[in-house]
Amino acid sequence: MTSLRLCRVIVAFSPGWALAGPIDVSKLIDLTYAFDEQTIYWPTAQPFHFEHEHWGVTSAGYWYAAGRFQASEHGGTHLDSPIHFGAGRAATDQIPLSRLVRPVVVVDISAACARNADYRLTASDLRSWEKQHGPIREGIIVLVRTGWGRFWPNKKRYLGSDKAGDTAHLHFPGIARDAAELLAARKVSGVGIDTASIDYGPSKDFTTHQVLNGAGIYGLENVANLEKLPVTGANLIALPMKITGGSGGPVRIIALLP
């Protein structure tokens, strides 16, 4: 009887195992900047710091490497959890995995941004995109391509100022309030951009953060390599460091092409 039951278990699970196969690595795109001394952080934030605790051969004769790092939550390729600008909304560790692994679309406004460093994605831009590519569906992730990734890691070009603490002279593209409101109405899971903030550089009230985070929508900032993604058809995996109660944190973002 025991043998028979074992055979039944094997038969029941074998089809599932057979479906698993190798991942086509040629379809994986890394959308994450490495964290190092060049990583761009908000001018008032603590930059990334890494040091060796031990790096070499021990007295016992074997190799051992271990280091430590320090950094603010919001710098480099990172996630803004809804609690960042949304009181009572989800912290980083509370965002369901189902919202971090989703289909993704790319809205390209790089031509407009090339003419105006302070350009903001508008609701009109989004509606024009929908006329061409179809409606922005509930639950997807929307990435905005401004073309600003070409300036990374030059702080002066990327932020508009390379002076520590200077938030008065920032210039880079972002997302306008009316576009944020439309995306919130579409009930997307997340909104990302290839600049330092979903709000444009000169913003003082961060209304886009307020609208999106207030609606429970997380942000992805300093997203790399958006020019490698198709407009539609890809899936995104955006897994942040799971900081309990965090307002954000470093995130490894991977796209899987169709």
Protein backbone atom coordinates (compact mmCIF):
# COMPACT_ATOMS: atom_id res chain seq x y z
CA MET A 1 0.00 0.00 0.00
CA THR A 2 2.83 2.38 0.85
CA SER A 3 4.53 1.79 -2.51
CA LEU A 4 1.28 2.35 -4.36
CA ARG A 5 0.66 5.65 -2.58
CA LEU A 6 4.20 6.80 -3.38
CA CYS A 7 3.70 6.02 -7.05
CA ARG A 8 0.50 8.03 -7.09
CA VAL A 9 2.30 11.03 -5.57
CA ILE A 10 5.04 10.85 -8.19
CA VAL A 11 2.54 10.65 -11.05
CA ALA A 12 0.52 13.52 -9.61
CA PHE A 13 3.51 15.86 -9.43
CA SER A 14 5.52 14.77 -12.45
CA PRO A 15 3.58 16.91 -14.96
CA GLY A 16 4.32 20.04 -12.92
CA TRP A 17 8.01 19.23 -12.77
CA ALA A 18 8.08 18.59 -16.50
CA LEU A 19 6.78 22.09 -17.20
CA ALA A 20 9.74 23.71 -15.48
CA GLY A 21 12.53 24.60 -17.89
CA PRO A 22 15.61 26.77 -18.28
CA ILE A 23 15.20 30.54 -18.26
CA ASP A 24 16.19 32.26 -21.50
CA VAL A 25 18.76 34.68 -20.06
CA SER A 26 18.81 36.62 -23.32
CA LYS A 27 15.35 37.88 -22.36
CA LEU A 28 16.43 39.21 -18.97
CA ILE A 29 17.21 42.93 -18.74
CA ASP A 30 18.78 44.44 -15.62
CA LEU A 31 17.19 47.81 -14.89
CA THR A 32 19.33 48.47 -11.82
CA TYR A 33 22.37 50.68 -11.32
CA ALA A 34 25.18 49.22 -9.20
CA PHE A 35 25.68 50.71 -5.75
CA ASP A 36 29.13 52.26 -5.32
CA GLU A 37 30.85 55.59 -4.65
CA GLN A 38 29.33 57.06 -7.84
CA THR A 39 25.73 56.20 -7.00
CA ILE A 40 23.51 59.28 -7.13
CA TYR A 41 21.48 60.11 -4.03
CA TRP A 42 19.16 62.98 -3.23
CA PRO A 43 21.38 65.96 -2.34
CA THR A 44 20.31 65.93 1.31
CA ALA A 45 20.61 62.15 1.75
CA GLN A 46 23.50 60.12 3.09
CA PRO A 47 25.37 58.60 0.14
CA PHE A 48 26.25 54.96 -0.25
CA HIS A 49 29.24 53.86 1.81
CA PHE A 50 30.91 50.47 1.65
CA GLU A 51 33.94 49.27 3.54
CA HIS A 52 35.79 46.03 4.08
CA GLU A 53 35.47 44.48 7.52
CA HIS A 54 37.85 41.75 6.45
CA TRP A 55 39.16 41.09 2.96
CA GLY A 56 41.97 38.59 2.63
CA VAL A 57 43.59 35.47 3.99
CA THR A 58 42.94 34.79 7.66
CA SER A 59 45.54 33.75 10.22
CA ALA A 60 44.22 30.22 9.75
CA GLY A 61 45.20 30.33 6.08
CA TYR A 62 41.83 30.52 4.27
CA TRP A 63 40.27 33.35 2.27
CA TYR A 64 37.50 35.34 3.96
CA ALA A 65 35.67 38.43 2.70
CA ALA A 66 33.01 40.45 4.52
CA GLY A 67 32.00 44.09 4.32
CA ARG A 68 29.47 46.59 5.60
CA PHE A 69 27.44 49.29 3.88
CA GLN A 70 25.47 52.35 4.91
CA ALA A 71 23.03 54.39 2.87
CA SER A 72 19.78 56.32 2.92
CA GLU A 73 16.69 54.47 1.71
CA HIS A 74 16.19 56.83 -1.22
CA GLY A 75 19.14 56.72 -3.60
CA GLY A 76 20.39 54.76 -6.55
CA THR A 77 17.80 52.45 -8.09
CA HIS A 78 15.25 52.30 -5.31
CA LEU A 79 11.61 51.90 -4.38
CA ASP A 80 9.42 54.50 -2.70
CA SER A 81 6.89 52.62 -0.60
CA PRO A 82 3.41 54.17 -0.36
CA ILE A 83 4.08 55.34 3.21
CA HIS A 84 6.82 57.64 1.84
CA PHE A 85 4.20 60.34 1.11
CA GLY A 86 1.02 58.52 2.11
CA ALA A 87 0.14 58.51 5.80
CA GLY A 88 -1.05 55.09 6.93
CA ARG A 89 -0.14 53.44 3.62
CA ALA A 90 2.01 50.34 3.17
CA ALA A 91 5.63 50.29 4.30
CA THR A 92 8.23 48.53 2.20
CA ASP A 93 7.81 45.14 3.85
CA GLN A 94 4.01 45.33 3.51
CA ILE A 95 3.82 45.60 -0.29
CA PRO A 96 2.45 42.26 -1.58
CA LEU A 97 4.75 40.30 -3.87
CA SER A 98 1.88 40.11 -6.34
CA ARG A 99 2.23 43.87 -6.89
CA LEU A 100 6.01 43.72 -7.36
CA VAL A 101 5.95 41.13 -10.14
CA ARG A 102 3.67 42.50 -12.84
CA PRO A 103 3.32 43.26 -16.56
CA VAL A 104 4.99 46.53 -17.51
CA VAL A 105 4.49 49.22 -20.12
CA VAL A 106 6.88 52.01 -21.12
CA VAL A 107 5.75 55.56 -21.89
CA ASP A 108 8.48 57.37 -23.83
CA ILE A 109 8.65 61.16 -23.46
CA SER A 110 12.37 61.43 -24.21
CA ALA A 111 11.88 63.68 -27.25
CA ALA A 112 10.03 66.29 -25.19
CA CYS A 113 12.55 66.01 -22.35
CA ALA A 114 15.45 66.59 -24.75
CA ARG A 115 13.92 69.99 -25.50
CA ASN A 116 13.00 70.82 -21.90
CA ALA A 117 14.89 69.45 -18.88
CA ASP A 118 11.90 70.30 -16.67
CA TYR A 119 9.32 68.52 -18.81
CA ARG A 120 6.61 66.58 -17.02
CA LEU A 121 4.55 63.67 -18.32
CA THR A 122 0.96 64.89 -18.68
CA ALA A 123 -2.43 63.21 -18.70
CA SER A 124 -2.63 64.18 -22.37
CA ASP A 125 0.59 62.25 -23.02
CA LEU A 126 -0.91 59.19 -21.35
CA ARG A 127 -4.15 59.41 -23.33
CA SER A 128 -2.17 59.73 -26.56
CA TRP A 129 -0.21 56.64 -25.54
CA GLU A 130 -3.44 54.74 -24.85
CA LYS A 131 -4.86 55.65 -28.27
CA GLN A 132 -1.84 54.01 -29.86
CA HIS A 133 -1.22 51.06 -27.54
CA GLY A 134 -4.49 50.41 -25.75
CA PRO A 135 -5.75 51.20 -22.25
CA ILE A 136 -3.43 51.20 -19.25
CA ARG A 137 -4.78 48.22 -17.34
CA GLU A 138 -5.33 47.93 -13.62
CA GLY A 139 -2.44 46.33 -11.75
CA ILE A 140 0.34 46.91 -14.25
CA ILE A 141 3.57 48.83 -13.68
CA VAL A 142 4.10 51.97 -15.76
CA LEU A 143 7.66 53.10 -16.48
CA VAL A 144 8.34 56.58 -17.85
CA ARG A 145 11.34 56.93 -20.13
CA THR A 146 12.78 60.44 -20.21
CA GLY A 147 16.17 59.52 -21.66
CA TRP A 148 17.90 60.86 -18.54
CA GLY A 149 19.71 57.59 -17.99
CA ARG A 150 22.29 58.70 -20.55
CA PHE A 151 23.62 61.18 -17.95
CA TRP A 152 24.21 58.64 -15.17
CA PRO A 153 26.41 58.94 -13.05
CA ASN A 154 27.21 62.59 -13.85
CA LYS A 155 25.43 64.38 -10.97
CA LYS A 156 25.58 67.79 -12.61
CA ARG A 157 23.84 66.58 -15.77
CA TYR A 158 21.56 64.09 -14.05
CA LEU A 159 20.31 66.28 -11.18
CA GLY A 160 21.08 69.78 -12.43
CA SER A 161 23.40 70.40 -9.47
CA ASP A 162 26.30 68.45 -8.03
CA LYS A 163 26.53 70.40 -4.76
CA ALA A 164 25.79 68.47 -1.57
CA GLY A 165 22.57 69.67 0.06
CA ASP A 166 21.53 71.78 -2.93
CA THR A 167 17.85 71.20 -3.70
CA ALA A 168 17.23 74.71 -5.03
CA HIS A 169 18.81 74.18 -8.45
CA LEU A 170 17.58 70.73 -9.49
CA HIS A 171 16.45 70.25 -13.08
CA PHE A 172 15.26 66.92 -14.48
CA PRO A 173 11.97 65.60 -15.92
CA GLY A 174 9.17 64.04 -13.92
CA ILE A 175 5.44 63.34 -13.86
CA ALA A 176 2.76 66.04 -13.64
CA ARG A 177 -0.07 65.94 -11.13
CA ASP A 178 -2.78 65.32 -13.74
CA ALA A 179 -0.83 62.32 -15.08
CA ALA A 180 -0.42 60.97 -11.55
CA GLU A 181 -4.15 61.35 -10.95
CA LEU A 182 -4.92 59.47 -14.16
CA LEU A 183 -2.54 56.65 -13.22
CA ALA A 184 -4.12 56.47 -9.78
CA ALA A 185 -7.54 56.27 -11.42
CA ARG A 186 -6.25 53.40 -13.57
CA LYS A 187 -5.23 51.64 -10.31
CA VAL A 188 -1.74 50.71 -11.47
CA SER A 189 0.54 48.82 -9.07
CA GLY A 190 3.59 51.00 -9.46
CA VAL A 191 5.06 53.90 -11.42
CA GLY A 192 8.75 54.21 -12.26
CA ILE A 193 11.05 56.66 -14.00
CA ASP A 194 14.66 56.97 -15.17
CA THR A 195 15.31 60.14 -13.14
CA ALA A 196 15.96 60.84 -9.46
CA SER A 197 12.28 61.41 -8.67
CA ILE A 198 8.79 60.87 -10.02
CA ASP A 199 8.36 64.60 -9.30
CA TYR A 200 10.35 66.88 -11.59
CA GLY A 201 13.49 68.59 -10.31
CA PRO A 202 12.09 72.04 -9.38
CA SER A 203 9.20 70.56 -7.37
CA LYS A 204 8.79 71.92 -3.86
CA ASP A 205 5.56 70.18 -2.83
CA PHE A 206 6.09 66.73 -4.42
CA THR A 207 2.47 66.52 -5.52
CA THR A 208 3.08 63.49 -7.73
CA HIS A 209 4.46 61.57 -4.76
CA GLN A 210 1.47 62.70 -2.70
CA VAL A 211 -1.06 61.57 -5.30
CA LEU A 212 0.50 58.21 -6.13
CA ASN A 213 1.69 57.22 -2.65
CA GLY A 214 -1.59 58.48 -1.22
CA ALA A 215 -3.40 56.08 -3.56
CA GLY A 216 -1.24 53.20 -2.32
CA ILE A 217 0.97 53.16 -5.43
CA TYR A 218 4.70 52.68 -5.01
CA GLY A 219 7.38 54.45 -7.04
CA LEU A 220 10.55 53.22 -8.71
CA GLU A 221 13.26 55.84 -9.24
CA ASN A 222 16.63 55.90 -11.04
CA VAL A 223 15.53 52.98 -13.20
CA ALA A 224 18.28 51.99 -15.66
CA ASN A 225 18.26 50.84 -19.29
CA LEU A 226 14.67 51.71 -20.20
CA GLU A 227 15.70 52.03 -23.84
CA LYS A 228 16.11 48.22 -23.88
CA LEU A 229 12.45 47.54 -23.10
CA PRO A 230 9.56 47.21 -25.56
CA VAL A 231 6.60 49.51 -25.13
CA THR A 232 4.39 46.59 -24.08
CA GLY A 233 4.69 42.85 -23.55
CA ALA A 234 7.41 42.58 -20.91
CA ASN A 235 7.06 41.58 -17.26
CA LEU A 236 8.82 43.27 -14.38
CA ILE A 237 10.27 41.93 -11.14
CA ALA A 238 11.03 44.73 -8.67
CA LEU A 239 12.12 43.35 -5.29
CA PRO A 240 13.23 45.91 -2.69
CA MET A 241 15.29 45.22 0.41
CA LYS A 242 12.64 44.08 2.90
CA ILE A 243 13.03 46.78 5.54
CA THR A 244 10.41 46.49 8.26
CA GLY A 245 8.47 49.75 8.40
CA GLY A 246 10.68 51.25 5.69
CA SER A 247 9.68 54.19 3.52
CA GLY A 248 11.67 52.66 0.67
CA GLY A 249 14.95 50.98 -0.09
CA PRO A 250 17.36 49.69 -2.71
CA VAL A 251 15.59 47.55 -5.30
CA ARG A 252 16.83 45.06 -7.89
CA ILE A 253 14.67 45.46 -10.96
CA ILE A 254 14.67 42.83 -13.68
CA ALA A 255 12.57 42.81 -16.84
CA LEU A 256 11.64 39.61 -18.65
CA LEU A 257 11.15 40.29 -22.35
CA PRO A 258 8.35 38.56 -24.29
